[in-house]
Amino acid sequence: MRMLMHVFFPVREFNEAVRDGTVGEKLHTIIADADPEAVYFTEQHGQRSAIIVVDVSSSADIPALAEPWFLTFNADTKFRIAMTPDDLARAGLDELGGKWG
């Protein structure tokens, strides 16, 4: 199942990694291990963040995706299910509308 993983980086911990020159290596290691479909770095709510598209086969996959961010940067994470247009087409909206509409 495709999920959007939002990672929020605390300023202090991320700044320390930038200053000591380890931020690039840390980011690369975590991202390579997660093998995401896509990664976007951005700002959210005035804070450094990343939006990462990952494939999750079960909820048991979430700790392996989240813990590296927690332990490396003391980051916060949020997960949201994401659908492609094909996923939405298979969702049966017409039938649901007939049943519940």
C-alpha atoms as a PDB file:
ATOM      1  CA  MET A   1       0.000   0.000   0.000  1.00  0.00           C
ATOM      2  CA  ARG A   2       1.360   3.394  -0.966  1.00  0.00           C
ATOM      3  CA  MET A   3       1.777   5.846   1.899  1.00  0.00           C
ATOM      4  CA  LEU A   4       2.935   9.412   2.258  1.00  0.00           C
ATOM      5  CA  MET A   5       5.388   9.710   5.097  1.00  0.00           C
ATOM      6  CA  HIS A   6       5.813  13.226   6.458  1.00  0.00           C
ATOM      7  CA  VAL A   7       9.015  13.804   8.420  1.00  0.00           C
ATOM      8  CA  PHE A   8       9.432  16.949  10.525  1.00  0.00           C
ATOM      9  CA  PHE A   9      13.009  17.802  11.546  1.00  0.00           C
ATOM     10  CA  PRO A  10      13.712  19.596  14.820  1.00  0.00           C
ATOM     11  CA  VAL A  11      15.848  22.680  14.177  1.00  0.00           C
ATOM     12  CA  ARG A  12      18.494  21.936  16.819  1.00  0.00           C
ATOM     13  CA  GLU A  13      19.264  18.336  15.842  1.00  0.00           C
ATOM     14  CA  PHE A  14      19.204  19.031  12.112  1.00  0.00           C
ATOM     15  CA  ASN A  15      21.398  22.136  12.524  1.00  0.00           C
ATOM     16  CA  GLU A  16      23.926  20.084  14.492  1.00  0.00           C
ATOM     17  CA  ALA A  17      24.157  17.555  11.654  1.00  0.00           C
ATOM     18  CA  VAL A  18      24.551  20.373   9.113  1.00  0.00           C
ATOM     19  CA  ARG A  19      27.283  22.021  11.182  1.00  0.00           C
ATOM     20  CA  ASP A  20      29.257  18.829  11.816  1.00  0.00           C
ATOM     21  CA  GLY A  21      29.014  17.785   8.167  1.00  0.00           C
ATOM     22  CA  THR A  22      27.065  14.542   8.717  1.00  0.00           C
ATOM     23  CA  VAL A  23      23.606  15.548   7.464  1.00  0.00           C
ATOM     24  CA  GLY A  24      24.122  14.339   3.882  1.00  0.00           C
ATOM     25  CA  GLU A  25      25.439  10.935   4.889  1.00  0.00           C
ATOM     26  CA  LYS A  26      22.678  10.464   7.472  1.00  0.00           C
ATOM     27  CA  LEU A  27      19.938  11.393   5.011  1.00  0.00           C
ATOM     28  CA  HIS A  28      21.405   9.184   2.288  1.00  0.00           C
ATOM     29  CA  THR A  29      21.656   6.167   4.606  1.00  0.00           C
ATOM     30  CA  ILE A  30      18.077   6.456   5.875  1.00  0.00           C
ATOM     31  CA  ILE A  31      16.631   7.059   2.412  1.00  0.00           C
ATOM     32  CA  ALA A  32      18.591   4.206   0.811  1.00  0.00           C
ATOM     33  CA  ASP A  33      17.376   1.808   3.488  1.00  0.00           C
ATOM     34  CA  ALA A  34      13.720   2.827   3.001  1.00  0.00           C
ATOM     35  CA  ASP A  35      13.922   2.486  -0.799  1.00  0.00           C
ATOM     36  CA  PRO A  36      11.149   5.053  -1.381  1.00  0.00           C
ATOM     37  CA  GLU A  37       9.303   5.728  -4.607  1.00  0.00           C
ATOM     38  CA  ALA A  38      10.028   9.458  -4.195  1.00  0.00           C
ATOM     39  CA  VAL A  39      11.449  11.938  -1.670  1.00  0.00           C
ATOM     40  CA  TYR A  40      10.745  15.673  -1.520  1.00  0.00           C
ATOM     41  CA  PHE A  41      12.340  18.076   0.947  1.00  0.00           C
ATOM     42  CA  THR A  42      10.216  21.071   1.800  1.00  0.00           C
ATOM     43  CA  GLU A  43       8.992  23.375   4.538  1.00  0.00           C
ATOM     44  CA  GLN A  44       5.862  22.573   6.519  1.00  0.00           C
ATOM     45  CA  HIS A  45       4.544  24.819   9.291  1.00  0.00           C
ATOM     46  CA  GLY A  46       7.802  26.805   9.267  1.00  0.00           C
ATOM     47  CA  GLN A  47       9.893  23.689   9.830  1.00  0.00           C
ATOM     48  CA  ARG A  48      12.284  21.657   7.677  1.00  0.00           C
ATOM     49  CA  SER A  49      10.536  18.544   6.505  1.00  0.00           C
ATOM     50  CA  ALA A  50      10.376  15.779   3.943  1.00  0.00           C
ATOM     51  CA  ILE A  51       7.524  14.067   2.153  1.00  0.00           C
ATOM     52  CA  ILE A  52       8.436  10.512   1.265  1.00  0.00           C
ATOM     53  CA  VAL A  53       6.377   8.106  -0.837  1.00  0.00           C
ATOM     54  CA  VAL A  54       6.831   4.563   0.482  1.00  0.00           C
ATOM     55  CA  ASP A  55       5.255   1.174  -0.103  1.00  0.00           C
ATOM     56  CA  VAL A  56       3.977  -0.514   3.054  1.00  0.00           C
ATOM     57  CA  SER A  57       2.766  -4.105   2.915  1.00  0.00           C
ATOM     58  CA  SER A  58       1.504  -4.055   6.519  1.00  0.00           C
ATOM     59  CA  SER A  59       1.468  -1.825   9.570  1.00  0.00           C
ATOM     60  CA  ALA A  60       4.450  -3.817  10.858  1.00  0.00           C
ATOM     61  CA  ASP A  61       6.596  -2.022   8.232  1.00  0.00           C
ATOM     62  CA  ILE A  62       6.074   1.381   9.845  1.00  0.00           C
ATOM     63  CA  PRO A  63       8.631   1.129  12.680  1.00  0.00           C
ATOM     64  CA  ALA A  64      11.434   0.281  10.224  1.00  0.00           C
ATOM     65  CA  LEU A  65      10.535   3.424   8.261  1.00  0.00           C
ATOM     66  CA  ALA A  66      10.042   5.751  11.240  1.00  0.00           C
ATOM     67  CA  GLU A  67      12.712   4.704  13.774  1.00  0.00           C
ATOM     68  CA  PRO A  68      15.723   5.859  11.724  1.00  0.00           C
ATOM     69  CA  TRP A  69      14.265   9.395  11.645  1.00  0.00           C
ATOM     70  CA  PHE A  70      13.441   9.287  15.370  1.00  0.00           C
ATOM     71  CA  LEU A  71      16.830   7.974  16.417  1.00  0.00           C
ATOM     72  CA  THR A  72      18.963  10.025  14.015  1.00  0.00           C
ATOM     73  CA  PHE A  73      17.265  13.426  14.111  1.00  0.00           C
ATOM     74  CA  ASN A  74      14.670  13.204  16.910  1.00  0.00           C
ATOM     75  CA  ALA A  75      12.171  13.842  14.098  1.00  0.00           C
ATOM     76  CA  ASP A  76       8.395  13.524  14.137  1.00  0.00           C
ATOM     77  CA  THR A  77       6.665  11.389  11.503  1.00  0.00           C
ATOM     78  CA  LYS A  78       3.153  11.038  10.161  1.00  0.00           C
ATOM     79  CA  PHE A  79       1.828   8.454   7.729  1.00  0.00           C
ATOM     80  CA  ARG A  80      -1.093   8.849   5.330  1.00  0.00           C
ATOM     81  CA  ILE A  81      -2.497   6.363   2.866  1.00  0.00           C
ATOM     82  CA  ALA A  82      -2.221   7.627  -0.710  1.00  0.00           C
ATOM     83  CA  MET A  83      -4.059   6.459  -3.821  1.00  0.00           C
ATOM     84  CA  THR A  84      -3.227   6.788  -7.480  1.00  0.00           C
ATOM     85  CA  PRO A  85      -6.035   7.490  -9.954  1.00  0.00           C
ATOM     86  CA  ASP A  86      -6.067   3.744 -10.744  1.00  0.00           C
ATOM     87  CA  ASP A  87      -6.466   2.913  -7.047  1.00  0.00           C
ATOM     88  CA  LEU A  88      -9.375   5.312  -6.802  1.00  0.00           C
ATOM     89  CA  ALA A  89     -10.979   3.826  -9.926  1.00  0.00           C
ATOM     90  CA  ARG A  90     -10.906   0.375  -8.272  1.00  0.00           C
ATOM     91  CA  ALA A  91     -12.438   1.717  -5.045  1.00  0.00           C
ATOM     92  CA  GLY A  92     -16.020   1.223  -6.220  1.00  0.00           C
ATOM     93  CA  LEU A  93     -17.204   4.791  -5.660  1.00  0.00           C
ATOM     94  CA  ASP A  94     -20.192   4.341  -7.987  1.00  0.00           C
ATOM     95  CA  GLU A  95     -21.393   1.333  -6.010  1.00  0.00           C
ATOM     96  CA  LEU A  96     -20.779   3.086  -2.700  1.00  0.00           C
ATOM     97  CA  GLY A  97     -22.718   6.102  -3.926  1.00  0.00           C
ATOM     98  CA  GLY A  98     -25.632   3.843  -4.866  1.00  0.00           C
ATOM     99  CA  LYS A  99     -25.564   2.144  -1.485  1.00  0.00           C
ATOM    100  CA  TRP A 100     -24.956   5.129   0.773  1.00  0.00           C
ATOM    101  CA  GLY A 101     -25.989   8.125  -1.342  1.00  0.00           C
END
